[in-house]
N, C-alpha and C. Protein backbone atom coordinates (compact mmCIF):
# COMPACT_ATOMS: atom_id res chain seq x y z
N MET A 1 -8.83 5.70 -11.05
CA MET A 1 -8.37 5.05 -10.08
C MET A 1 -9.15 3.85 -10.21
N LYS A 2 -8.50 2.50 -9.67
CA LYS A 2 -9.27 1.46 -9.82
C LYS A 2 -9.69 0.82 -8.26
N PHE A 3 -10.96 0.59 -7.92
CA PHE A 3 -11.42 0.05 -6.79
C PHE A 3 -11.66 -1.34 -6.86
N ILE A 4 -11.11 -2.02 -5.87
CA ILE A 4 -11.30 -3.53 -5.75
C ILE A 4 -11.68 -3.95 -4.35
N GLU A 5 -12.96 -4.45 -4.54
CA GLU A 5 -13.77 -4.70 -3.53
C GLU A 5 -12.99 -5.90 -2.49
N THR A 6 -12.76 -5.84 -1.26
CA THR A 6 -12.06 -6.95 -0.29
C THR A 6 -13.07 -7.83 0.16
N LYS A 7 -12.75 -8.90 0.92
CA LYS A 7 -13.65 -9.92 1.36
C LYS A 7 -14.54 -9.27 2.51
N LEU A 8 -14.03 -8.26 3.17
CA LEU A 8 -14.87 -7.50 4.21
C LEU A 8 -15.70 -6.41 3.58
N LYS A 9 -16.90 -6.61 3.53
CA LYS A 9 -17.67 -5.80 2.72
C LYS A 9 -17.51 -4.11 3.32
N GLY A 10 -17.47 -3.34 2.25
CA GLY A 10 -17.28 -2.05 2.76
C GLY A 10 -15.69 -1.38 2.76
N ALA A 11 -14.73 -2.49 2.78
CA ALA A 11 -13.33 -2.03 2.69
C ALA A 11 -13.09 -2.20 1.17
N TRP A 12 -12.02 -1.35 0.62
CA TRP A 12 -11.65 -1.34 -0.78
C TRP A 12 -10.15 -1.16 -1.02
N LEU A 13 -9.60 -2.01 -1.56
CA LEU A 13 -8.34 -1.71 -2.13
C LEU A 13 -8.37 -0.79 -3.32
N VAL A 14 -7.47 0.13 -3.20
CA VAL A 14 -7.51 1.22 -4.36
C VAL A 14 -6.24 1.39 -5.06
N GLU A 15 -6.37 1.10 -6.41
CA GLU A 15 -4.93 1.19 -7.08
C GLU A 15 -5.23 2.32 -7.89
N ILE A 16 -3.87 3.02 -8.10
CA ILE A 16 -3.71 4.16 -9.02
C ILE A 16 -3.40 3.58 -10.43
N GLU A 17 -4.20 4.29 -11.31
CA GLU A 17 -4.36 4.00 -12.72
C GLU A 17 -2.94 4.84 -13.36
N LYS A 18 -1.97 4.24 -13.63
CA LYS A 18 -0.68 4.92 -13.95
C LYS A 18 -0.49 5.23 -15.58
N ILE A 19 -0.19 6.37 -15.70
CA ILE A 19 -0.12 6.77 -17.05
C ILE A 19 1.42 6.89 -17.34
N GLY A 20 2.12 6.36 -18.06
CA GLY A 20 3.52 6.21 -17.92
C GLY A 20 4.15 6.80 -19.17
N ASP A 21 5.36 7.32 -19.11
CA ASP A 21 6.23 7.59 -20.15
C ASP A 21 7.60 7.54 -19.97
N GLY A 22 8.76 8.15 -20.69
CA GLY A 22 9.99 7.97 -20.31
C GLY A 22 10.38 8.57 -18.98
N ARG A 23 9.62 9.66 -18.61
CA ARG A 23 9.89 10.02 -17.26
C ARG A 23 9.53 9.50 -16.10
N GLY A 24 8.66 8.45 -16.28
CA GLY A 24 8.06 7.72 -15.13
C GLY A 24 6.53 7.58 -15.22
N TYR A 25 5.68 8.14 -14.21
CA TYR A 25 4.19 7.98 -14.36
C TYR A 25 3.66 8.90 -13.69
N PHE A 26 2.29 9.21 -13.97
CA PHE A 26 1.53 10.01 -13.35
C PHE A 26 0.20 9.35 -13.03
N GLY A 27 -0.34 9.58 -11.84
CA GLY A 27 -1.52 9.06 -11.33
C GLY A 27 -2.33 9.58 -10.49
N ARG A 28 -3.59 9.37 -10.47
CA ARG A 28 -4.48 10.10 -9.03
C ARG A 28 -4.67 9.18 -7.89
N ALA A 29 -4.19 9.79 -6.85
CA ALA A 29 -4.21 9.17 -5.78
C ALA A 29 -5.49 9.57 -4.76
N TRP A 30 -6.16 10.38 -5.19
CA TRP A 30 -7.34 10.72 -4.56
C TRP A 30 -8.23 11.52 -5.52
N CYS A 31 -9.43 11.26 -5.43
CA CYS A 31 -10.59 12.10 -6.06
C CYS A 31 -11.72 12.02 -5.41
N GLN A 32 -12.15 13.18 -4.89
CA GLN A 32 -13.23 13.18 -4.00
C GLN A 32 -14.60 12.57 -4.77
N ARG A 33 -14.69 12.95 -6.21
CA ARG A 33 -15.81 12.70 -6.93
C ARG A 33 -15.78 11.15 -7.09
N GLU A 34 -14.70 10.49 -7.46
CA GLU A 34 -14.65 9.09 -7.80
C GLU A 34 -15.05 8.26 -6.55
N PHE A 35 -14.71 8.76 -5.21
CA PHE A 35 -14.98 8.01 -4.06
C PHE A 35 -16.41 8.21 -3.80
N GLU A 36 -17.04 9.40 -4.05
CA GLU A 36 -18.36 9.76 -3.93
C GLU A 36 -19.14 8.83 -4.93
N GLU A 37 -18.88 8.65 -6.07
CA GLU A 37 -19.45 7.85 -7.30
C GLU A 37 -19.63 6.40 -6.81
N MET A 38 -18.62 5.99 -6.06
CA MET A 38 -18.46 4.61 -5.44
C MET A 38 -19.44 4.58 -4.18
N GLY A 39 -19.96 5.54 -3.63
CA GLY A 39 -20.74 5.51 -2.42
C GLY A 39 -19.72 5.49 -1.11
N LEU A 40 -18.65 5.99 -1.18
CA LEU A 40 -17.80 6.04 -0.07
C LEU A 40 -17.76 7.44 0.33
N ASP A 41 -17.21 7.33 1.64
CA ASP A 41 -17.22 8.65 2.38
C ASP A 41 -15.83 9.44 2.08
N ALA A 42 -16.00 10.57 1.47
CA ALA A 42 -14.79 11.46 0.72
C ALA A 42 -14.68 12.79 1.73
N GLY A 43 -15.16 12.69 2.90
CA GLY A 43 -15.05 13.93 3.66
C GLY A 43 -13.75 14.08 4.46
N ILE A 44 -12.75 14.17 3.89
CA ILE A 44 -11.37 14.00 4.66
C ILE A 44 -11.31 15.30 5.53
N LYS A 45 -11.15 15.07 6.80
CA LYS A 45 -10.78 16.19 7.98
C LYS A 45 -9.34 16.16 8.36
N GLN A 46 -8.60 15.25 8.28
CA GLN A 46 -7.21 15.22 8.92
C GLN A 46 -6.48 14.21 8.05
N ILE A 47 -5.20 14.66 7.88
CA ILE A 47 -4.26 13.67 6.94
C ILE A 47 -2.89 13.62 8.15
N ASN A 48 -2.59 12.31 8.24
CA ASN A 48 -1.71 11.83 9.28
C ASN A 48 -0.54 11.13 8.66
N THR A 49 0.77 11.29 9.13
CA THR A 49 1.80 10.45 8.63
C THR A 49 2.73 9.64 9.79
N SER A 50 3.10 8.75 9.47
CA SER A 50 3.91 8.00 10.56
C SER A 50 5.12 7.48 9.83
N PHE A 51 6.25 7.22 10.71
CA PHE A 51 7.52 6.60 10.07
C PHE A 51 8.00 5.77 11.12
N SER A 52 8.43 4.35 10.61
CA SER A 52 9.02 3.30 11.34
C SER A 52 10.19 2.99 10.87
N GLN A 53 11.15 2.86 11.80
CA GLN A 53 12.70 2.77 11.54
C GLN A 53 12.77 1.45 11.19
N LYS A 54 12.33 0.42 12.09
CA LYS A 54 12.57 -1.08 12.05
C LYS A 54 11.72 -1.94 11.46
N LYS A 55 12.31 -2.82 10.66
CA LYS A 55 11.24 -4.00 10.02
C LYS A 55 10.79 -4.73 11.48
N GLY A 56 9.53 -5.18 11.55
CA GLY A 56 8.90 -5.89 12.61
C GLY A 56 8.22 -4.87 13.59
N THR A 57 8.26 -3.68 13.28
CA THR A 57 7.48 -2.60 13.98
C THR A 57 5.82 -2.71 13.70
N LEU A 58 5.16 -3.02 14.82
CA LEU A 58 3.63 -2.99 14.77
C LEU A 58 3.04 -1.73 15.35
N ARG A 59 2.24 -1.30 14.68
CA ARG A 59 1.26 -0.21 15.04
C ARG A 59 -0.35 -0.51 14.92
N GLY A 60 -1.10 -0.55 16.01
CA GLY A 60 -2.49 -0.64 15.94
C GLY A 60 -2.81 -2.05 16.75
N LEU A 61 -3.93 -2.30 16.67
CA LEU A 61 -5.07 -2.06 15.67
C LEU A 61 -5.92 -0.98 16.25
N HIS A 62 -6.09 0.12 15.84
CA HIS A 62 -6.85 1.25 16.40
C HIS A 62 -8.00 1.60 15.53
N TYR A 63 -8.93 2.28 16.33
CA TYR A 63 -10.05 2.73 15.84
C TYR A 63 -10.57 3.83 16.84
N GLN A 64 -11.91 4.67 16.28
CA GLN A 64 -12.36 5.39 17.29
C GLN A 64 -13.66 5.06 17.50
N ALA A 65 -14.41 4.99 18.80
CA ALA A 65 -15.47 4.80 19.08
C ALA A 65 -16.63 5.76 18.55
N ASP A 66 -17.91 5.44 18.65
CA ASP A 66 -18.99 6.35 18.45
C ASP A 66 -18.84 7.58 19.50
N PRO A 67 -19.25 8.90 19.24
CA PRO A 67 -19.67 9.37 17.99
C PRO A 67 -18.64 9.78 16.99
N HIS A 68 -17.27 9.31 17.26
CA HIS A 68 -16.18 9.89 16.50
C HIS A 68 -15.63 8.68 15.47
N GLN A 69 -16.43 7.71 15.14
CA GLN A 69 -16.00 6.75 14.26
C GLN A 69 -15.64 7.41 12.86
N GLU A 70 -14.46 6.77 12.32
CA GLU A 70 -13.77 7.35 11.09
C GLU A 70 -13.52 6.36 10.06
N VAL A 71 -13.40 7.08 9.09
CA VAL A 71 -13.00 6.22 7.72
C VAL A 71 -11.55 6.56 7.66
N LYS A 72 -10.66 5.55 7.37
CA LYS A 72 -9.14 5.93 7.16
C LYS A 72 -8.96 5.50 5.61
N PHE A 73 -8.03 6.31 4.90
CA PHE A 73 -7.69 5.95 3.76
C PHE A 73 -6.14 5.88 3.86
N VAL A 74 -5.39 4.66 3.59
CA VAL A 74 -4.25 4.42 4.15
C VAL A 74 -3.44 4.09 2.94
N ARG A 75 -2.07 4.66 2.93
CA ARG A 75 -1.01 4.52 1.81
C ARG A 75 0.30 4.22 2.40
N CYS A 76 1.11 3.45 1.97
CA CYS A 76 2.46 3.35 2.42
C CYS A 76 3.32 4.04 1.31
N THR A 77 3.95 4.99 1.78
CA THR A 77 4.77 6.04 0.86
C THR A 77 6.38 5.54 0.87
N GLN A 78 6.83 4.79 1.67
CA GLN A 78 7.90 4.34 1.67
C GLN A 78 8.27 2.85 2.34
N GLY A 79 8.86 1.83 1.72
CA GLY A 79 8.83 0.81 2.12
C GLY A 79 7.81 -0.38 1.88
N ARG A 80 7.76 -1.44 2.92
CA ARG A 80 6.48 -2.17 2.71
C ARG A 80 5.88 -2.40 4.07
N ILE A 81 4.58 -2.80 3.72
CA ILE A 81 3.84 -2.97 5.17
C ILE A 81 2.59 -4.07 4.92
N PHE A 82 2.33 -4.68 6.04
CA PHE A 82 1.33 -5.62 5.85
C PHE A 82 0.10 -4.78 6.94
N ASP A 83 -0.90 -4.43 6.08
CA ASP A 83 -1.95 -3.60 6.79
C ASP A 83 -3.03 -4.72 7.04
N VAL A 84 -3.54 -4.52 8.26
CA VAL A 84 -4.88 -5.43 8.84
C VAL A 84 -5.92 -4.69 9.12
N ILE A 85 -7.06 -5.24 8.73
CA ILE A 85 -8.48 -4.58 9.00
C ILE A 85 -9.35 -5.74 9.68
N VAL A 86 -9.96 -5.38 10.68
CA VAL A 86 -10.90 -6.05 11.45
C VAL A 86 -12.14 -5.48 11.40
N ASP A 87 -13.25 -6.05 10.89
CA ASP A 87 -14.57 -5.71 10.90
C ASP A 87 -15.22 -5.92 12.37
N LEU A 88 -15.70 -4.56 12.83
CA LEU A 88 -16.21 -4.59 14.20
C LEU A 88 -17.74 -4.29 14.37
N ARG A 89 -18.15 -4.39 13.23
CA ARG A 89 -19.81 -4.09 12.92
C ARG A 89 -20.47 -5.36 13.34
N PRO A 90 -21.05 -5.34 14.55
CA PRO A 90 -21.92 -6.69 15.09
C PRO A 90 -22.92 -7.15 14.19
N ASP A 91 -23.56 -6.28 13.32
CA ASP A 91 -24.56 -6.98 12.54
C ASP A 91 -23.94 -7.43 11.15
N SER A 92 -22.69 -7.29 11.06
CA SER A 92 -21.98 -7.85 9.76
C SER A 92 -21.70 -9.12 9.63
N PRO A 93 -22.07 -9.81 8.58
CA PRO A 93 -21.77 -11.18 8.31
C PRO A 93 -20.28 -11.42 8.41
N THR A 94 -19.39 -10.55 8.40
CA THR A 94 -17.89 -10.81 8.71
C THR A 94 -17.48 -9.98 9.98
N PHE A 95 -18.33 -9.86 10.98
CA PHE A 95 -18.02 -9.48 12.23
C PHE A 95 -16.83 -10.11 12.90
N LEU A 96 -15.97 -9.47 13.35
CA LEU A 96 -14.64 -10.08 13.97
C LEU A 96 -13.60 -10.68 13.11
N GLN A 97 -13.92 -10.84 11.69
CA GLN A 97 -12.94 -11.42 10.87
C GLN A 97 -11.96 -10.30 10.35
N TRP A 98 -10.82 -10.79 9.98
CA TRP A 98 -9.64 -9.88 9.39
C TRP A 98 -9.30 -10.22 8.05
N ASP A 99 -8.60 -9.31 7.63
CA ASP A 99 -7.86 -9.41 6.36
C ASP A 99 -6.63 -8.65 6.18
N GLY A 100 -5.76 -8.87 5.34
CA GLY A 100 -4.53 -8.04 5.41
C GLY A 100 -4.03 -7.95 4.05
N TYR A 101 -3.24 -6.81 3.74
CA TYR A 101 -2.80 -6.50 2.41
C TYR A 101 -1.26 -5.85 2.46
N GLU A 102 -0.57 -6.24 1.61
CA GLU A 102 0.69 -5.58 1.43
C GLU A 102 0.49 -4.42 0.73
N LEU A 103 0.92 -3.57 1.41
CA LEU A 103 0.88 -2.05 0.76
C LEU A 103 2.27 -1.60 0.70
N SER A 104 2.73 -0.76 -0.30
CA SER A 104 4.18 -0.61 -0.64
C SER A 104 4.24 0.52 -1.50
N ALA A 105 5.41 1.41 -1.46
CA ALA A 105 5.68 2.20 -2.20
C ALA A 105 5.79 1.89 -3.53
N GLU A 106 6.27 0.76 -3.81
CA GLU A 106 6.19 0.25 -5.11
C GLU A 106 4.86 -0.19 -5.93
N ASN A 107 4.12 -0.90 -5.02
CA ASN A 107 2.83 -1.48 -5.53
C ASN A 107 1.91 -0.18 -5.61
N GLY A 108 2.08 0.81 -4.83
CA GLY A 108 1.02 2.23 -4.68
C GLY A 108 -0.32 1.81 -4.34
N ARG A 109 -0.63 0.67 -4.10
CA ARG A 109 -2.00 0.38 -3.31
C ARG A 109 -2.27 1.17 -2.20
N MET A 110 -3.54 1.48 -2.10
CA MET A 110 -4.08 2.09 -0.97
C MET A 110 -5.26 1.44 -0.41
N LEU A 111 -5.51 1.56 0.75
CA LEU A 111 -6.79 0.72 1.61
C LEU A 111 -7.75 1.69 2.07
N TYR A 112 -8.96 1.47 1.62
CA TYR A 112 -10.34 2.44 2.29
C TYR A 112 -10.84 1.68 3.39
N VAL A 113 -10.59 2.02 4.48
CA VAL A 113 -11.19 1.26 5.76
C VAL A 113 -12.23 2.00 6.38
N PRO A 114 -13.46 1.39 6.26
CA PRO A 114 -14.65 1.97 6.67
C PRO A 114 -14.88 2.13 8.09
N GLU A 115 -15.86 3.07 8.68
CA GLU A 115 -16.25 3.21 10.04
C GLU A 115 -16.34 1.87 10.64
N GLN A 116 -16.12 1.53 11.83
CA GLN A 116 -16.28 0.48 12.72
C GLN A 116 -15.44 -0.61 12.17
N PHE A 117 -14.36 -0.41 11.79
CA PHE A 117 -13.06 -1.31 11.43
C PHE A 117 -11.91 -0.81 12.34
N ALA A 118 -11.42 -1.78 12.90
CA ALA A 118 -9.88 -1.60 13.43
C ALA A 118 -8.97 -1.66 12.42
N THR A 119 -7.79 -0.99 12.28
CA THR A 119 -6.80 -1.30 11.59
C THR A 119 -5.34 -0.95 12.12
N GLY A 120 -4.35 -1.78 11.68
CA GLY A 120 -2.91 -1.62 12.36
C GLY A 120 -2.10 -2.16 11.09
N PHE A 121 -0.74 -1.96 11.28
CA PHE A 121 0.01 -2.59 10.22
C PHE A 121 1.26 -3.05 11.02
N LEU A 122 2.13 -4.03 10.29
CA LEU A 122 3.35 -4.45 10.49
C LEU A 122 4.34 -4.23 9.45
N THR A 123 5.50 -3.42 9.87
CA THR A 123 6.57 -3.11 8.69
C THR A 123 7.18 -4.51 8.40
N LEU A 124 7.32 -4.52 6.94
CA LEU A 124 8.08 -5.80 6.38
C LEU A 124 9.49 -5.55 6.03
N GLU A 125 10.08 -4.17 6.28
CA GLU A 125 11.37 -4.00 5.93
C GLU A 125 11.50 -2.64 6.80
N ASP A 126 12.89 -2.20 6.74
CA ASP A 126 13.15 -0.98 7.43
C ASP A 126 12.76 0.14 6.93
N ASP A 127 12.77 1.33 7.81
CA ASP A 127 12.29 2.73 7.05
C ASP A 127 11.04 2.85 6.43
N CYS A 128 9.99 2.70 7.00
CA CYS A 128 8.58 2.53 6.24
C CYS A 128 7.82 3.82 6.49
N GLY A 129 7.39 4.58 5.68
CA GLY A 129 6.58 5.51 5.75
C GLY A 129 5.10 5.62 5.41
N MET A 130 4.37 6.06 6.11
CA MET A 130 2.73 5.77 6.23
C MET A 130 2.03 7.16 6.02
N TYR A 131 0.99 7.36 5.27
CA TYR A 131 0.27 8.51 4.99
C TYR A 131 -1.22 8.10 4.97
N TYR A 132 -1.84 8.73 6.01
CA TYR A 132 -3.39 8.30 5.87
C TYR A 132 -4.29 9.43 6.17
N SER A 133 -5.34 9.43 5.65
CA SER A 133 -6.36 10.53 5.70
C SER A 133 -7.71 10.02 6.73
N THR A 134 -8.43 10.67 7.48
CA THR A 134 -9.44 10.28 8.18
C THR A 134 -10.70 11.31 7.91
N THR A 135 -11.80 10.79 8.12
CA THR A 135 -13.10 11.49 7.97
C THR A 135 -13.47 12.05 9.36
N GLN A 136 -12.60 11.97 10.31
CA GLN A 136 -13.02 12.63 11.52
C GLN A 136 -11.60 13.08 12.25
N PHE A 137 -12.03 14.03 13.05
CA PHE A 137 -10.67 14.53 13.80
C PHE A 137 -10.48 13.47 14.95
N TYR A 138 -9.11 13.46 15.26
CA TYR A 138 -8.82 12.60 16.28
C TYR A 138 -9.28 12.97 17.62
N ALA A 139 -10.10 11.91 18.35
CA ALA A 139 -10.55 12.62 19.77
C ALA A 139 -10.12 11.41 20.68
N PRO A 140 -9.09 11.95 21.56
CA PRO A 140 -8.69 10.96 22.43
C PRO A 140 -9.60 10.24 23.34
N SER A 141 -10.68 10.68 23.77
CA SER A 141 -11.54 10.09 24.48
C SER A 141 -12.33 8.81 23.88
N ALA A 142 -12.16 8.94 22.55
CA ALA A 142 -12.88 7.76 21.66
C ALA A 142 -11.56 6.85 21.16
N ALA A 143 -10.59 7.20 21.33
CA ALA A 143 -9.53 6.16 20.86
C ALA A 143 -9.57 4.74 21.49
N ARG A 144 -9.81 3.79 20.75
CA ARG A 144 -9.58 2.46 21.29
C ARG A 144 -8.71 1.76 20.36
N ALA A 145 -8.46 0.43 20.87
CA ALA A 145 -7.57 -0.46 19.93
C ALA A 145 -7.71 -1.95 20.66
N LEU A 146 -7.55 -2.84 19.45
CA LEU A 146 -7.46 -4.28 20.03
C LEU A 146 -6.22 -4.88 19.82
N ARG A 147 -5.77 -5.77 20.83
CA ARG A 147 -4.41 -6.21 20.86
C ARG A 147 -4.28 -7.08 19.51
N HIS A 148 -3.04 -6.86 19.02
CA HIS A 148 -2.57 -7.47 17.78
C HIS A 148 -2.54 -9.02 17.90
N ASN A 149 -2.40 -9.69 18.97
CA ASN A 149 -2.41 -11.10 18.95
C ASN A 149 -3.53 -11.77 19.68
N ASP A 150 -4.46 -11.01 19.82
CA ASP A 150 -5.68 -11.39 20.59
C ASP A 150 -6.36 -12.81 19.95
N PRO A 151 -6.23 -13.91 20.67
CA PRO A 151 -6.60 -15.41 20.03
C PRO A 151 -8.06 -15.28 19.46
N ALA A 152 -8.97 -14.27 19.95
CA ALA A 152 -10.37 -14.21 19.47
C ALA A 152 -10.53 -13.74 17.97
N ILE A 153 -9.43 -13.18 17.54
CA ILE A 153 -9.30 -12.62 16.12
C ILE A 153 -8.29 -13.68 15.51
N GLY A 154 -7.37 -13.90 15.80
CA GLY A 154 -6.44 -14.80 15.19
C GLY A 154 -5.65 -14.43 14.00
N ILE A 155 -5.19 -13.19 14.01
CA ILE A 155 -4.41 -12.69 12.92
C ILE A 155 -3.12 -13.47 12.70
N GLU A 156 -2.82 -13.77 11.46
CA GLU A 156 -1.57 -14.10 11.03
C GLU A 156 -0.76 -13.28 10.41
N TRP A 157 0.15 -12.62 11.17
CA TRP A 157 1.16 -11.72 11.03
C TRP A 157 2.14 -12.40 10.02
N PRO A 158 2.68 -11.66 8.97
CA PRO A 158 3.73 -12.50 8.08
C PRO A 158 5.05 -12.30 8.47
N GLY A 159 5.25 -11.98 9.72
CA GLY A 159 6.73 -11.85 10.43
C GLY A 159 6.64 -11.64 11.87
N GLU A 160 7.81 -11.61 12.42
CA GLU A 160 7.78 -11.31 14.05
C GLU A 160 7.57 -9.97 14.29
N VAL A 161 6.84 -9.64 15.36
CA VAL A 161 6.72 -8.19 15.89
C VAL A 161 7.94 -8.16 16.86
N THR A 162 8.67 -7.08 16.45
CA THR A 162 9.97 -6.89 17.30
C THR A 162 9.69 -5.52 18.10
N GLU A 163 8.86 -4.68 17.41
CA GLU A 163 8.83 -3.15 18.17
C GLU A 163 7.21 -2.93 18.13
N ILE A 164 6.99 -2.56 19.47
CA ILE A 164 5.58 -2.30 19.54
C ILE A 164 5.41 -1.39 20.78
N SER A 165 4.57 -0.59 20.79
CA SER A 165 4.26 0.32 21.98
C SER A 165 3.87 -0.39 23.31
N ASN A 166 4.13 0.05 24.38
CA ASN A 166 3.67 -0.80 25.50
C ASN A 166 2.16 -0.49 25.54
N VAL A 167 1.63 0.61 25.35
CA VAL A 167 -0.05 0.81 25.04
C VAL A 167 -0.64 -0.28 24.10
N ASP A 168 0.09 -0.60 23.30
CA ASP A 168 -0.66 -1.32 22.33
C ASP A 168 -0.31 -2.90 22.77
N ARG A 169 0.90 -3.20 23.24
CA ARG A 169 1.02 -4.50 23.78
C ARG A 169 0.14 -5.02 25.01
N GLU A 170 -0.35 -4.04 25.76
CA GLU A 170 -0.97 -4.05 26.79
C GLU A 170 -2.53 -4.00 26.92
N ARG A 171 -2.96 -4.25 25.67
CA ARG A 171 -4.49 -3.94 25.33
C ARG A 171 -5.17 -5.29 25.82
N PRO A 172 -6.54 -4.89 26.25
CA PRO A 172 -7.22 -6.02 26.87
C PRO A 172 -7.58 -6.93 25.92
N ASP A 173 -8.12 -8.02 26.27
CA ASP A 173 -8.79 -9.02 25.14
C ASP A 173 -10.21 -8.35 24.84
N LEU A 174 -10.36 -9.00 23.70
CA LEU A 174 -11.59 -8.49 22.92
C LEU A 174 -12.86 -8.42 23.59
N SER A 175 -13.02 -9.33 24.54
CA SER A 175 -14.07 -9.46 25.41
C SER A 175 -14.53 -8.22 26.17
N VAL A 176 -13.46 -7.29 26.50
CA VAL A 176 -13.79 -5.98 27.08
C VAL A 176 -13.62 -4.88 26.06
N ALA A 177 -13.62 -5.06 24.68
CA ALA A 177 -13.39 -4.01 23.81
C ALA A 177 -14.73 -3.20 23.74
N ASP A 178 -14.34 -2.06 23.45
CA ASP A 178 -15.64 -1.07 23.25
C ASP A 178 -15.98 -0.45 21.85
N PHE A 179 -16.90 -1.14 21.08
CA PHE A 179 -17.19 -0.84 19.90
C PHE A 179 -18.38 -0.89 19.48
């Protein structure tokens, strides 16, 4: 596995080192030992999946508040998405900054999202499948989110948002976020 540091400290793009032949390729998408050697939390407790039928579907920006903060390890297994992370660590030099990455079934990139980061994605084509692992169990009482178009963050999405849940659309401004 190849770990690529992002501009938001603690978040990593992870690429599969593919070993190919006439049949295709083989590669490791997860290795607890390699994550631990990088100093990353490798304690997966839950694996989730989602499927979005339409291009322009937005999910997020979600996170869990203390004491249920979680690391997420995100992979697009079908289609293409633009995944965004936002640093919510008040003492971080990149506090409230965002970054985004195209993840696709074709490029095989994965994103390690540390605790105290919100994450969400926009589908760039129809029929997108996601698979992501978390280091905490989902706790509804700790579930939080930021609004995808909050001007205090200023995310530049690479396409129009055409599908979004009412819950995500009606999130409050950042000024009342709980992180």
